Amino acid sequence: MGFEERDQELDAAVRELASADTLAFGGVGIAGTLLPATAAYQQVERALKENPAEARQQVDWLLEHGSPAGKAYAAASLDTVDRELGRVAWTRLRDDAGELTTFTGCLMDQTTLGAYAAGRLAGE
């Protein structure tokens, strides 16, 4: 895969996350369906490992301009490559009142980004 193609895939993944309304890190529901946002998150996570400088710019943009779920995906991706960067991102999001839906397997929940970030900081 060429450099330009990787850039386009990363751009598409970040656009998907910027408007995400649901946060899920694995398959959801009985069928274990992978949401488009989850697949995009996985793409961003790979990009952070393979091309950290460019991917980091995209993740920083997502932290600033994304939907509440998009911001959570951005913080989570930073957390996977550098715990301290992740902690800084979660701390920054702790007071965000934006709402999002979360999925853990079949369990769906509604929360605020701030409450979710506080949980992540507490190790939940």
PDB file of N, CA and C in Angstrom:
ATOM      1  N   MET A   1       0.854  -1.183   0.000  1.00  0.00           N
ATOM      2  CA  MET A   1       0.000   0.000   0.000  1.00  0.00           C
ATOM      3  C   MET A   1       0.892   1.236   0.000  1.00  0.00           C
ATOM      4  N   GLY A   2       0.599   2.171  -0.875  1.00  0.00           N
ATOM      5  CA  GLY A   2       1.397   3.374  -0.997  1.00  0.00           C
ATOM      6  C   GLY A   2       1.085   4.410   0.066  1.00  0.00           C
ATOM      7  N   PHE A   3       1.984   5.377   0.184  1.00  0.00           N
ATOM      8  CA  PHE A   3       1.853   6.440   1.174  1.00  0.00           C
ATOM      9  C   PHE A   3       0.549   7.205   1.005  1.00  0.00           C
ATOM     10  N   GLU A   4       0.220   7.578  -0.235  1.00  0.00           N
ATOM     11  CA  GLU A   4      -0.992   8.351  -0.503  1.00  0.00           C
ATOM     12  C   GLU A   4      -2.252   7.571  -0.136  1.00  0.00           C
ATOM     13  N   GLU A   5      -2.244   6.281  -0.444  1.00  0.00           N
ATOM     14  CA  GLU A   5      -3.403   5.447  -0.116  1.00  0.00           C
ATOM     15  C   GLU A   5      -3.591   5.344   1.399  1.00  0.00           C
ATOM     16  N   ARG A   6      -2.495   5.224   2.151  1.00  0.00           N
ATOM     17  CA  ARG A   6      -2.586   5.183   3.618  1.00  0.00           C
ATOM     18  C   ARG A   6      -3.142   6.494   4.150  1.00  0.00           C
ATOM     19  N   ASP A   7      -2.704   7.612   3.560  1.00  0.00           N
ATOM     20  CA  ASP A   7      -3.220   8.926   3.972  1.00  0.00           C
ATOM     21  C   ASP A   7      -4.721   9.010   3.761  1.00  0.00           C
ATOM     22  N   GLN A   8      -5.186   8.549   2.615  1.00  0.00           N
ATOM     23  CA  GLN A   8      -6.618   8.594   2.306  1.00  0.00           C
ATOM     24  C   GLN A   8      -7.409   7.713   3.265  1.00  0.00           C
ATOM     25  N   GLU A   9      -6.882   6.555   3.593  1.00  0.00           N
ATOM     26  CA  GLU A   9      -7.571   5.666   4.528  1.00  0.00           C
ATOM     27  C   GLU A   9      -7.631   6.290   5.921  1.00  0.00           C
ATOM     28  N   LEU A  10      -6.548   6.910   6.344  1.00  0.00           N
ATOM     29  CA  LEU A  10      -6.536   7.570   7.644  1.00  0.00           C
ATOM     30  C   LEU A  10      -7.518   8.730   7.658  1.00  0.00           C
ATOM     31  N   ASP A  11      -7.537   9.537   6.600  1.00  0.00           N
ATOM     32  CA  ASP A  11      -8.492  10.651   6.510  1.00  0.00           C
ATOM     33  C   ASP A  11      -9.926  10.145   6.598  1.00  0.00           C
ATOM     34  N   ALA A  12     -10.237   9.067   5.882  1.00  0.00           N
ATOM     35  CA  ALA A  12     -11.590   8.504   5.896  1.00  0.00           C
ATOM     36  C   ALA A  12     -11.941   7.987   7.293  1.00  0.00           C
ATOM     37  N   ALA A  13     -10.995   7.353   7.953  1.00  0.00           N
ATOM     38  CA  ALA A  13     -11.242   6.835   9.300  1.00  0.00           C
ATOM     39  C   ALA A  13     -11.508   7.976  10.278  1.00  0.00           C
ATOM     40  N   VAL A  14     -10.738   9.037  10.188  1.00  0.00           N
ATOM     41  CA  VAL A  14     -10.923  10.179  11.088  1.00  0.00           C
ATOM     42  C   VAL A  14     -12.263  10.857  10.820  1.00  0.00           C
ATOM     43  N   ARG A  15     -12.649  10.983   9.556  1.00  0.00           N
ATOM     44  CA  ARG A  15     -13.974  11.556   9.234  1.00  0.00           C
ATOM     45  C   ARG A  15     -15.090  10.704   9.831  1.00  0.00           C
ATOM     46  N   GLU A  16     -14.954   9.387   9.746  1.00  0.00           N
ATOM     47  CA  GLU A  16     -15.952   8.483  10.328  1.00  0.00           C
ATOM     48  C   GLU A  16     -16.051   8.704  11.841  1.00  0.00           C
ATOM     49  N   LEU A  17     -14.917   8.798  12.497  1.00  0.00           N
ATOM     50  CA  LEU A  17     -14.917   8.979  13.950  1.00  0.00           C
ATOM     51  C   LEU A  17     -15.404  10.361  14.360  1.00  0.00           C
ATOM     52  N   ALA A  18     -15.153  11.357  13.538  1.00  0.00           N
ATOM     53  CA  ALA A  18     -15.552  12.729  13.877  1.00  0.00           C
ATOM     54  C   ALA A  18     -17.055  12.858  14.061  1.00  0.00           C
ATOM     55  N   SER A  19     -17.827  12.008  13.386  1.00  0.00           N
ATOM     56  CA  SER A  19     -19.284  12.099  13.495  1.00  0.00           C
ATOM     57  C   SER A  19     -19.893  10.896  14.216  1.00  0.00           C
ATOM     58  N   ALA A  20     -19.063  10.048  14.805  1.00  0.00           N
ATOM     59  CA  ALA A  20     -19.568   8.852  15.496  1.00  0.00           C
ATOM     60  C   ALA A  20     -20.453   9.245  16.676  1.00  0.00           C
ATOM     61  N   ASP A  21     -21.512   8.463  16.879  1.00  0.00           N
ATOM     62  CA  ASP A  21     -22.369   8.702  18.042  1.00  0.00           C
ATOM     63  C   ASP A  21     -22.333   7.545  19.030  1.00  0.00           C
ATOM     64  N   THR A  22     -21.664   6.463  18.644  1.00  0.00           N
ATOM     65  CA  THR A  22     -21.598   5.264  19.472  1.00  0.00           C
ATOM     66  C   THR A  22     -20.150   4.843  19.668  1.00  0.00           C
ATOM     67  N   LEU A  23     -19.832   4.470  20.891  1.00  0.00           N
ATOM     68  CA  LEU A  23     -18.485   4.034  21.249  1.00  0.00           C
ATOM     69  C   LEU A  23     -18.516   2.538  21.534  1.00  0.00           C
ATOM     70  N   ALA A  24     -17.793   1.780  20.739  1.00  0.00           N
ATOM     71  CA  ALA A  24     -17.690   0.331  20.932  1.00  0.00           C
ATOM     72  C   ALA A  24     -16.310  -0.108  20.442  1.00  0.00           C
ATOM     73  N   PHE A  25     -15.632  -0.912  21.238  1.00  0.00           N
ATOM     74  CA  PHE A  25     -14.285  -1.329  20.872  1.00  0.00           C
ATOM     75  C   PHE A  25     -14.230  -2.744  20.315  1.00  0.00           C
ATOM     76  N   GLY A  26     -15.362  -3.394  20.239  1.00  0.00           N
ATOM     77  CA  GLY A  26     -15.445  -4.735  19.669  1.00  0.00           C
ATOM     78  C   GLY A  26     -16.802  -4.899  19.018  1.00  0.00           C
ATOM     79  N   GLY A  27     -17.126  -6.124  18.664  1.00  0.00           N
ATOM     80  CA  GLY A  27     -18.418  -6.396  18.060  1.00  0.00           C
ATOM     81  C   GLY A  27     -19.557  -6.102  19.033  1.00  0.00           C
ATOM     82  N   VAL A  28     -20.705  -5.733  18.496  1.00  0.00           N
ATOM     83  CA  VAL A  28     -21.865  -5.410  19.329  1.00  0.00           C
ATOM     84  C   VAL A  28     -23.034  -6.319  18.983  1.00  0.00           C
ATOM     85  N   GLY A  29     -23.919  -6.463  19.963  1.00  0.00           N
ATOM     86  CA  GLY A  29     -25.119  -7.257  19.744  1.00  0.00           C
ATOM     87  C   GLY A  29     -24.830  -8.746  19.737  1.00  0.00           C
ATOM     88  N   ILE A  30     -25.878  -9.498  19.594  1.00  0.00           N
ATOM     89  CA  ILE A  30     -25.771 -10.955  19.604  1.00  0.00           C
ATOM     90  C   ILE A  30     -24.881 -11.447  18.468  1.00  0.00           C
ATOM     91  N   ALA A  31     -24.954 -10.795  17.323  1.00  0.00           N
ATOM     92  CA  ALA A  31     -24.155 -11.204  16.160  1.00  0.00           C
ATOM     93  C   ALA A  31     -22.712 -10.717  16.237  1.00  0.00           C
ATOM     94  N   GLY A  32     -22.407  -9.851  17.186  1.00  0.00           N
ATOM     95  CA  GLY A  32     -21.043  -9.327  17.298  1.00  0.00           C
ATOM     96  C   GLY A  32     -20.640  -8.462  16.118  1.00  0.00           C
ATOM     97  N   THR A  33     -21.570  -7.677  15.615  1.00  0.00           N
ATOM     98  CA  THR A  33     -21.339  -6.828  14.453  1.00  0.00           C
ATOM     99  C   THR A  33     -20.331  -5.726  14.768  1.00  0.00           C
ATOM    100  N   LEU A  34     -19.375  -5.541  13.873  1.00  0.00           N
ATOM    101  CA  LEU A  34     -18.384  -4.481  14.026  1.00  0.00           C
ATOM    102  C   LEU A  34     -18.937  -3.196  13.411  1.00  0.00           C
ATOM    103  N   LEU A  35     -19.104  -2.173  14.222  1.00  0.00           N
ATOM    104  CA  LEU A  35     -19.622  -0.891  13.735  1.00  0.00           C
ATOM    105  C   LEU A  35     -18.579  -0.203  12.862  1.00  0.00           C
ATOM    106  N   PRO A  36     -19.025   0.621  11.902  1.00  0.00           N
ATOM    107  CA  PRO A  36     -18.071   1.368  11.072  1.00  0.00           C
ATOM    108  C   PRO A  36     -17.104   2.213  11.906  1.00  0.00           C
ATOM    109  N   ALA A  37     -17.594   2.805  12.987  1.00  0.00           N
ATOM    110  CA  ALA A  37     -16.721   3.620  13.835  1.00  0.00           C
ATOM    111  C   ALA A  37     -15.663   2.762  14.521  1.00  0.00           C
ATOM    112  N   THR A  38     -16.022   1.551  14.903  1.00  0.00           N
ATOM    113  CA  THR A  38     -15.053   0.663  15.538  1.00  0.00           C
ATOM    114  C   THR A  38     -13.954   0.282  14.556  1.00  0.00           C
ATOM    115  N   ALA A  39     -14.344  -0.024  13.324  1.00  0.00           N
ATOM    116  CA  ALA A  39     -13.354  -0.335  12.287  1.00  0.00           C
ATOM    117  C   ALA A  39     -12.459   0.880  12.032  1.00  0.00           C
ATOM    118  N   ALA A  40     -13.043   2.080  12.034  1.00  0.00           N
ATOM    119  CA  ALA A  40     -12.260   3.302  11.832  1.00  0.00           C
ATOM    120  C   ALA A  40     -11.283   3.510  12.991  1.00  0.00           C
ATOM    121  N   TYR A  41     -11.733   3.258  14.207  1.00  0.00           N
ATOM    122  CA  TYR A  41     -10.858   3.356  15.376  1.00  0.00           C
ATOM    123  C   TYR A  41      -9.663   2.415  15.228  1.00  0.00           C
ATOM    124  N   GLN A  42      -9.918   1.195  14.793  1.00  0.00           N
ATOM    125  CA  GLN A  42      -8.839   0.231  14.610  1.00  0.00           C
ATOM    126  C   GLN A  42      -7.842   0.719  13.559  1.00  0.00           C
ATOM    127  N   GLN A  43      -8.342   1.368  12.508  1.00  0.00           N
ATOM    128  CA  GLN A  43      -7.471   1.929  11.471  1.00  0.00           C
ATOM    129  C   GLN A  43      -6.588   3.045  12.048  1.00  0.00           C
ATOM    130  N   VAL A  44      -7.175   3.916  12.844  1.00  0.00           N
ATOM    131  CA  VAL A  44      -6.418   5.012  13.458  1.00  0.00           C
ATOM    132  C   VAL A  44      -5.376   4.455  14.423  1.00  0.00           C
ATOM    133  N   GLU A  45      -5.755   3.464  15.186  1.00  0.00           N
ATOM    134  CA  GLU A  45      -4.822   2.836  16.120  1.00  0.00           C
ATOM    135  C   GLU A  45      -3.613   2.247  15.378  1.00  0.00           C
ATOM    136  N   ARG A  46      -3.873   1.564  14.257  1.00  0.00           N
ATOM    137  CA  ARG A  46      -2.772   1.024  13.441  1.00  0.00           C
ATOM    138  C   ARG A  46      -1.889   2.144  12.902  1.00  0.00           C
ATOM    139  N   ALA A  47      -2.526   3.221  12.438  1.00  0.00           N
ATOM    140  CA  ALA A  47      -1.780   4.349  11.878  1.00  0.00           C
ATOM    141  C   ALA A  47      -0.879   4.991  12.933  1.00  0.00           C
ATOM    142  N   LEU A  48      -1.347   5.072  14.160  1.00  0.00           N
ATOM    143  CA  LEU A  48      -0.523   5.639  15.232  1.00  0.00           C
ATOM    144  C   LEU A  48       0.742   4.813  15.458  1.00  0.00           C
ATOM    145  N   LYS A  49       0.643   3.521  15.247  1.00  0.00           N
ATOM    146  CA  LYS A  49       1.809   2.658  15.423  1.00  0.00           C
ATOM    147  C   LYS A  49       2.723   2.696  14.209  1.00  0.00           C
ATOM    148  N   GLU A  50       2.144   2.787  13.002  1.00  0.00           N
ATOM    149  CA  GLU A  50       2.918   2.724  11.763  1.00  0.00           C
ATOM    150  C   GLU A  50       3.463   4.082  11.304  1.00  0.00           C
ATOM    151  N   ASN A  51       2.705   5.138  11.533  1.00  0.00           N
ATOM    152  CA  ASN A  51       3.085   6.471  11.072  1.00  0.00           C
ATOM    153  C   ASN A  51       2.675   7.483  12.143  1.00  0.00           C
ATOM    154  N   PRO A  52       3.356   7.447  13.299  1.00  0.00           N
ATOM    155  CA  PRO A  52       2.899   8.228  14.453  1.00  0.00           C
ATOM    156  C   PRO A  52       2.778   9.730  14.232  1.00  0.00           C
ATOM    157  N   ALA A  53       3.694  10.336  13.499  1.00  0.00           N
ATOM    158  CA  ALA A  53       3.667  11.800  13.355  1.00  0.00           C
ATOM    159  C   ALA A  53       2.393  12.274  12.663  1.00  0.00           C
ATOM    160  N   GLU A  54       2.091  11.694  11.508  1.00  0.00           N
ATOM    161  CA  GLU A  54       0.895  12.133  10.793  1.00  0.00           C
ATOM    162  C   GLU A  54      -0.383  11.723  11.520  1.00  0.00           C
ATOM    163  N   ALA A  55      -0.404  10.511  12.020  1.00  0.00           N
ATOM    164  CA  ALA A  55      -1.606  10.040  12.708  1.00  0.00           C
ATOM    165  C   ALA A  55      -1.873  10.880  13.950  1.00  0.00           C
ATOM    166  N   ARG A  56      -0.840  11.278  14.630  1.00  0.00           N
ATOM    167  CA  ARG A  56      -1.014  12.087  15.845  1.00  0.00           C
ATOM    168  C   ARG A  56      -1.681  13.417  15.522  1.00  0.00           C
ATOM    169  N   GLN A  57      -1.322  14.029  14.390  1.00  0.00           N
ATOM    170  CA  GLN A  57      -1.983  15.278  13.985  1.00  0.00           C
ATOM    171  C   GLN A  57      -3.477  15.052  13.799  1.00  0.00           C
ATOM    172  N   GLN A  58      -3.828  13.942  13.173  1.00  0.00           N
ATOM    173  CA  GLN A  58      -5.239  13.623  12.930  1.00  0.00           C
ATOM    174  C   GLN A  58      -5.961  13.373  14.257  1.00  0.00           C
ATOM    175  N   VAL A  59      -5.329  12.648  15.160  1.00  0.00           N
ATOM    176  CA  VAL A  59      -5.942  12.342  16.459  1.00  0.00           C
ATOM    177  C   VAL A  59      -6.111  13.624  17.275  1.00  0.00           C
ATOM    178  N   ASP A  60      -5.117  14.495  17.241  1.00  0.00           N
ATOM    179  CA  ASP A  60      -5.241  15.775  17.948  1.00  0.00           C
ATOM    180  C   ASP A  60      -6.407  16.589  17.394  1.00  0.00           C
ATOM    181  N   TRP A  61      -6.574  16.597  16.065  1.00  0.00           N
ATOM    182  CA  TRP A  61      -7.704  17.295  15.451  1.00  0.00           C
ATOM    183  C   TRP A  61      -9.018  16.677  15.937  1.00  0.00           C
ATOM    184  N   LEU A  62      -9.075  15.357  15.982  1.00  0.00           N
ATOM    185  CA  LEU A  62     -10.281  14.651  16.422  1.00  0.00           C
ATOM    186  C   LEU A  62     -10.610  14.969  17.878  1.00  0.00           C
ATOM    187  N   LEU A  63      -9.600  15.073  18.718  1.00  0.00           N
ATOM    188  CA  LEU A  63      -9.821  15.445  20.125  1.00  0.00           C
ATOM    189  C   LEU A  63     -10.452  16.832  20.244  1.00  0.00           C
ATOM    190  N   GLU A  64     -10.120  17.698  19.325  1.00  0.00           N
ATOM    191  CA  GLU A  64     -10.633  19.073  19.364  1.00  0.00           C
ATOM    192  C   GLU A  64     -11.995  19.212  18.687  1.00  0.00           C
ATOM    193  N   HIS A  65     -12.200  18.510  17.577  1.00  0.00           N
ATOM    194  CA  HIS A  65     -13.365  18.777  16.727  1.00  0.00           C
ATOM    195  C   HIS A  65     -14.357  17.625  16.602  1.00  0.00           C
ATOM    196  N   GLY A  66     -14.058  16.477  17.155  1.00  0.00           N
ATOM    197  CA  GLY A  66     -14.922  15.316  16.983  1.00  0.00           C
ATOM    198  C   GLY A  66     -16.185  15.377  17.813  1.00  0.00           C
ATOM    199  N   SER A  67     -17.096  14.482  17.496  1.00  0.00           N
ATOM    200  CA  SER A  67     -18.283  14.278  18.322  1.00  0.00           C
ATOM    201  C   SER A  67     -17.817  13.743  19.679  1.00  0.00           C
ATOM    202  N   PRO A  68     -18.699  13.686  20.685  1.00  0.00           N
ATOM    203  CA  PRO A  68     -18.279  13.103  21.961  1.00  0.00           C
ATOM    204  C   PRO A  68     -17.695  11.690  21.802  1.00  0.00           C
ATOM    205  N   ALA A  69     -18.328  10.841  21.009  1.00  0.00           N
ATOM    206  CA  ALA A  69     -17.784   9.495  20.791  1.00  0.00           C
ATOM    207  C   ALA A  69     -16.457   9.578  20.034  1.00  0.00           C
ATOM    208  N   GLY A  70     -16.357  10.478  19.072  1.00  0.00           N
ATOM    209  CA  GLY A  70     -15.116  10.651  18.325  1.00  0.00           C
ATOM    210  C   GLY A  70     -13.970  11.083  19.220  1.00  0.00           C
ATOM    211  N   LYS A  71     -14.244  11.983  20.144  1.00  0.00           N
ATOM    212  CA  LYS A  71     -13.222  12.419  21.096  1.00  0.00           C
ATOM    213  C   LYS A  71     -12.791  11.256  21.992  1.00  0.00           C
ATOM    214  N   ALA A  72     -13.749  10.432  22.401  1.00  0.00           N
ATOM    215  CA  ALA A  72     -13.422   9.268  23.229  1.00  0.00           C
ATOM    216  C   ALA A  72     -12.564   8.281  22.448  1.00  0.00           C
ATOM    217  N   TYR A  73     -12.893   8.054  21.193  1.00  0.00           N
ATOM    218  CA  TYR A  73     -12.056   7.182  20.360  1.00  0.00           C
ATOM    219  C   TYR A  73     -10.642   7.751  20.243  1.00  0.00           C
ATOM    220  N   ALA A  74     -10.523   9.064  20.078  1.00  0.00           N
ATOM    221  CA  ALA A  74      -9.200   9.688  19.962  1.00  0.00           C
ATOM    222  C   ALA A  74      -8.391   9.482  21.239  1.00  0.00           C
ATOM    223  N   ALA A  75      -9.016   9.726  22.388  1.00  0.00           N
ATOM    224  CA  ALA A  75      -8.314   9.541  23.665  1.00  0.00           C
ATOM    225  C   ALA A  75      -7.920   8.078  23.862  1.00  0.00           C
ATOM    226  N   ALA A  76      -8.810   7.170  23.505  1.00  0.00           N
ATOM    227  CA  ALA A  76      -8.520   5.746  23.655  1.00  0.00           C
ATOM    228  C   ALA A  76      -7.355   5.327  22.761  1.00  0.00           C
ATOM    229  N   SER A  77      -7.305   5.883  21.557  1.00  0.00           N
ATOM    230  CA  SER A  77      -6.207   5.518  20.655  1.00  0.00           C
ATOM    231  C   SER A  77      -4.880   6.019  21.208  1.00  0.00           C
ATOM    232  N   LEU A  78      -4.863   7.209  21.778  1.00  0.00           N
ATOM    233  CA  LEU A  78      -3.639   7.711  22.398  1.00  0.00           C
ATOM    234  C   LEU A  78      -3.241   6.836  23.578  1.00  0.00           C
ATOM    235  N   ASP A  79      -4.238   6.411  24.346  1.00  0.00           N
ATOM    236  CA  ASP A  79      -4.008   5.565  25.514  1.00  0.00           C
ATOM    237  C   ASP A  79      -3.343   4.249  25.141  1.00  0.00           C
ATOM    238  N   THR A  80      -3.648   3.736  23.953  1.00  0.00           N
ATOM    239  CA  THR A  80      -3.063   2.449  23.559  1.00  0.00           C
ATOM    240  C   THR A  80      -1.599   2.581  23.152  1.00  0.00           C
ATOM    241  N   VAL A  81      -1.182   3.746  22.696  1.00  0.00           N
ATOM    242  CA  VAL A  81       0.216   3.904  22.270  1.00  0.00           C
ATOM    243  C   VAL A  81       1.088   4.567  23.333  1.00  0.00           C
ATOM    244  N   ASP A  82       0.458   5.327  24.254  1.00  0.00           N
ATOM    245  CA  ASP A  82       1.215   6.007  25.305  1.00  0.00           C
ATOM    246  C   ASP A  82       0.255   6.326  26.451  1.00  0.00           C
ATOM    247  N   ARG A  83       0.396   5.595  27.549  1.00  0.00           N
ATOM    248  CA  ARG A  83      -0.535   5.760  28.679  1.00  0.00           C
ATOM    249  C   ARG A  83      -0.591   7.203  29.182  1.00  0.00           C
ATOM    250  N   GLU A  84       0.535   7.881  29.209  1.00  0.00           N
ATOM    251  CA  GLU A  84       0.552   9.257  29.712  1.00  0.00           C
ATOM    252  C   GLU A  84      -0.208  10.188  28.769  1.00  0.00           C
ATOM    253  N   LEU A  85      -0.005  10.037  27.449  1.00  0.00           N
ATOM    254  CA  LEU A  85      -0.775  10.843  26.489  1.00  0.00           C
ATOM    255  C   LEU A  85      -2.265  10.570  26.640  1.00  0.00           C
ATOM    256  N   GLY A  86      -2.619   9.311  26.830  1.00  0.00           N
ATOM    257  CA  GLY A  86      -4.011   8.945  27.035  1.00  0.00           C
ATOM    258  C   GLY A  86      -4.577   9.597  28.284  1.00  0.00           C
ATOM    259  N   ARG A  87      -3.810   9.567  29.354  1.00  0.00           N
ATOM    260  CA  ARG A  87      -4.269  10.162  30.611  1.00  0.00           C
ATOM    261  C   ARG A  87      -4.488  11.675  30.455  1.00  0.00           C
ATOM    262  N   VAL A  88      -3.596  12.328  29.740  1.00  0.00           N
ATOM    263  CA  VAL A  88      -3.760  13.767  29.494  1.00  0.00           C
ATOM    264  C   VAL A  88      -5.046  14.019  28.696  1.00  0.00           C
ATOM    265  N   ALA A  89      -5.277  13.200  27.676  1.00  0.00           N
ATOM    266  CA  ALA A  89      -6.490  13.363  26.856  1.00  0.00           C
ATOM    267  C   ALA A  89      -7.747  13.107  27.686  1.00  0.00           C
ATOM    268  N   TRP A  90      -7.768  12.024  28.460  1.00  0.00           N
ATOM    269  CA  TRP A  90      -8.952  11.738  29.285  1.00  0.00           C
ATOM    270  C   TRP A  90      -9.185  12.851  30.299  1.00  0.00           C
ATOM    271  N   THR A  91      -8.124  13.394  30.882  1.00  0.00           N
ATOM    272  CA  THR A  91      -8.264  14.484  31.849  1.00  0.00           C
ATOM    273  C   THR A  91      -8.895  15.704  31.179  1.00  0.00           C
ATOM    274  N   ARG A  92      -8.466  15.983  29.981  1.00  0.00           N
ATOM    275  CA  ARG A  92      -9.004  17.113  29.219  1.00  0.00           C
ATOM    276  C   ARG A  92     -10.508  16.946  28.934  1.00  0.00           C
ATOM    277  N   LEU A  93     -10.949  15.704  28.776  1.00  0.00           N
ATOM    278  CA  LEU A  93     -12.348  15.428  28.419  1.00  0.00           C
ATOM    279  C   LEU A  93     -13.253  15.238  29.635  1.00  0.00           C
ATOM    280  N   ARG A  94     -12.703  15.241  30.811  1.00  0.00           N
ATOM    281  CA  ARG A  94     -13.440  14.924  32.036  1.00  0.00           C
ATOM    282  C   ARG A  94     -14.642  15.831  32.292  1.00  0.00           C
ATOM    283  N   ASP A  95     -14.616  17.056  31.822  1.00  0.00           N
ATOM    284  CA  ASP A  95     -15.718  17.988  32.077  1.00  0.00           C
ATOM    285  C   ASP A  95     -16.653  18.156  30.881  1.00  0.00           C
ATOM    286  N   ASP A  96     -16.490  17.343  29.854  1.00  0.00           N
ATOM    287  CA  ASP A  96     -17.292  17.448  28.631  1.00  0.00           C
ATOM    288  C   ASP A  96     -18.684  16.844  28.869  1.00  0.00           C
ATOM    289  N   ALA A  97     -19.722  17.637  28.667  1.00  0.00           N
ATOM    290  CA  ALA A  97     -21.098  17.194  28.920  1.00  0.00           C
ATOM    291  C   ALA A  97     -21.764  16.544  27.704  1.00  0.00           C
ATOM    292  N   GLY A  98     -21.023  16.418  26.601  1.00  0.00           N
ATOM    293  CA  GLY A  98     -21.590  15.793  25.405  1.00  0.00           C
ATOM    294  C   GLY A  98     -22.002  14.351  25.678  1.00  0.00           C
ATOM    295  N   GLU A  99     -23.104  13.932  25.059  1.00  0.00           N
ATOM    296  CA  GLU A  99     -23.631  12.590  25.300  1.00  0.00           C
ATOM    297  C   GLU A  99     -23.213  11.610  24.209  1.00  0.00           C
ATOM    298  N   LEU A 100     -23.059  10.359  24.606  1.00  0.00           N
ATOM    299  CA  LEU A 100     -22.724   9.296  23.674  1.00  0.00           C
ATOM    300  C   LEU A 100     -23.343   7.989  24.141  1.00  0.00           C
ATOM    301  N   THR A 101     -23.440   7.081  23.193  1.00  0.00           N
ATOM    302  CA  THR A 101     -23.902   5.728  23.478  1.00  0.00           C
ATOM    303  C   THR A 101     -22.680   4.840  23.541  1.00  0.00           C
ATOM    304  N   THR A 102     -22.652   3.936  24.524  1.00  0.00           N
ATOM    305  CA  THR A 102     -21.557   2.975  24.619  1.00  0.00           C
ATOM    306  C   THR A 102     -22.114   1.566  24.466  1.00  0.00           C
ATOM    307  N   PHE A 103     -21.304   0.706  23.914  1.00  0.00           N
ATOM    308  CA  PHE A 103     -21.638  -0.710  23.783  1.00  0.00           C
ATOM    309  C   PHE A 103     -20.505  -1.526  24.354  1.00  0.00           C
ATOM    310  N   THR A 104     -20.853  -2.490  25.163  1.00  0.00           N
ATOM    311  CA  THR A 104     -19.922  -3.526  25.592  1.00  0.00           C
ATOM    312  C   THR A 104     -20.632  -4.835  25.300  1.00  0.00           C
ATOM    313  N   GLY A 105     -20.253  -5.465  24.194  1.00  0.00           N
ATOM    314  CA  GLY A 105     -20.957  -6.672  23.760  1.00  0.00           C
ATOM    315  C   GLY A 105     -22.399  -6.344  23.435  1.00  0.00           C
ATOM    316  N   CYS A 106     -23.309  -6.957  24.168  1.00  0.00           N
ATOM    317  CA  CYS A 106     -24.746  -6.732  23.951  1.00  0.00           C
ATOM    318  C   CYS A 106     -25.296  -5.599  24.808  1.00  0.00           C
ATOM    319  N   LEU A 107     -24.494  -5.078  25.722  1.00  0.00           N
ATOM    320  CA  LEU A 107     -24.978  -4.077  26.664  1.00  0.00           C
ATOM    321  C   LEU A 107     -24.776  -2.664  26.129  1.00  0.00           C
ATOM    322  N   MET A 108     -25.896  -1.961  25.997  1.00  0.00           N
ATOM    323  CA  MET A 108     -25.868  -0.583  25.511  1.00  0.00           C
ATOM    324  C   MET A 108     -26.141   0.341  26.693  1.00  0.00           C
ATOM    325  N   ASP A 109     -25.485   1.508  26.693  1.00  0.00           N
ATOM    326  CA  ASP A 109     -25.669   2.473  27.763  1.00  0.00           C
ATOM    327  C   ASP A 109     -25.558   3.880  27.184  1.00  0.00           C
ATOM    328  N   GLN A 110     -26.097   4.842  27.878  1.00  0.00           N
ATOM    329  CA  GLN A 110     -25.969   6.267  27.546  1.00  0.00           C
ATOM    330  C   GLN A 110     -25.176   6.913  28.662  1.00  0.00           C
ATOM    331  N   THR A 111     -24.267   7.800  28.307  1.00  0.00           N
ATOM    332  CA  THR A 111     -23.478   8.504  29.309  1.00  0.00           C
ATOM    333  C   THR A 111     -22.991   9.816  28.713  1.00  0.00           C
ATOM    334  N   THR A 112     -22.321  10.595  29.520  1.00  0.00           N
ATOM    335  CA  THR A 112     -21.665  11.797  29.004  1.00  0.00           C
ATOM    336  C   THR A 112     -20.190  11.458  28.774  1.00  0.00           C
ATOM    337  N   LEU A 113     -19.575  12.210  27.917  1.00  0.00           N
ATOM    338  CA  LEU A 113     -18.153  12.015  27.670  1.00  0.00           C
ATOM    339  C   LEU A 113     -17.367  12.247  28.957  1.00  0.00           C
ATOM    340  N   GLY A 114     -17.767  13.242  29.732  1.00  0.00           N
ATOM    341  CA  GLY A 114     -17.078  13.524  30.998  1.00  0.00           C
ATOM    342  C   GLY A 114     -17.135  12.356  31.968  1.00  0.00           C
ATOM    343  N   ALA A 115     -18.305  11.747  32.094  1.00  0.00           N
ATOM    344  CA  ALA A 115     -18.441  10.594  32.989  1.00  0.00           C
ATOM    345  C   ALA A 115     -17.631   9.411  32.473  1.00  0.00           C
ATOM    346  N   TYR A 116     -17.626   9.207  31.163  1.00  0.00           N
ATOM    347  CA  TYR A 116     -16.853   8.114  30.581  1.00  0.00           C
ATOM    348  C   TYR A 116     -15.361   8.348  30.806  1.00  0.00           C
ATOM    349  N   ALA A 117     -14.916   9.589  30.584  1.00  0.00           N
ATOM    350  CA  ALA A 117     -13.502   9.931  30.782  1.00  0.00           C
ATOM    351  C   ALA A 117     -13.110   9.737  32.239  1.00  0.00           C
ATOM    352  N   ALA A 118     -13.957  10.153  33.170  1.00  0.00           N
ATOM    353  CA  ALA A 118     -13.666   9.978  34.588  1.00  0.00           C
ATOM    354  C   ALA A 118     -13.524   8.500  34.930  1.00  0.00           C
ATOM    355  N   GLY A 119     -14.374   7.669  34.323  1.00  0.00           N
ATOM    356  CA  GLY A 119     -14.273   6.232  34.532  1.00  0.00           C
ATOM    357  C   GLY A 119     -12.959   5.677  34.007  1.00  0.00           C
ATOM    358  N   ARG A 120     -12.552   6.113  32.851  1.00  0.00           N
ATOM    359  CA  ARG A 120     -11.278   5.653  32.278  1.00  0.00           C
ATOM    360  C   ARG A 120     -10.109   6.079  33.172  1.00  0.00           C
ATOM    361  N   LEU A 121     -10.169   7.301  33.689  1.00  0.00           N
ATOM    362  CA  LEU A 121      -9.107   7.775  34.586  1.00  0.00           C
ATOM    363  C   LEU A 121      -9.077   6.975  35.884  1.00  0.00           C
ATOM    364  N   ALA A 122     -10.243   6.487  36.308  1.00  0.00           N
ATOM    365  CA  ALA A 122     -10.323   5.692  37.528  1.00  0.00           C
ATOM    366  C   ALA A 122      -9.972   4.227  37.291  1.00  0.00           C
ATOM    367  N   GLY A 123      -9.695   3.888  36.025  1.00  0.00           N
ATOM    368  CA  GLY A 123      -9.311   2.521  35.701  1.00  0.00           C
ATOM    369  C   GLY A 123     -10.465   1.596  35.404  1.00  0.00           C
ATOM    370  N   GLU A 124     -11.629   2.144  35.129  1.00  0.00           N
ATOM    371  CA  GLU A 124     -12.802   1.316  34.818  1.00  0.00           C
ATOM    372  C   GLU A 124     -12.794   0.877  33.378  1.00  0.00           C
TER     373      GLU A 124
END
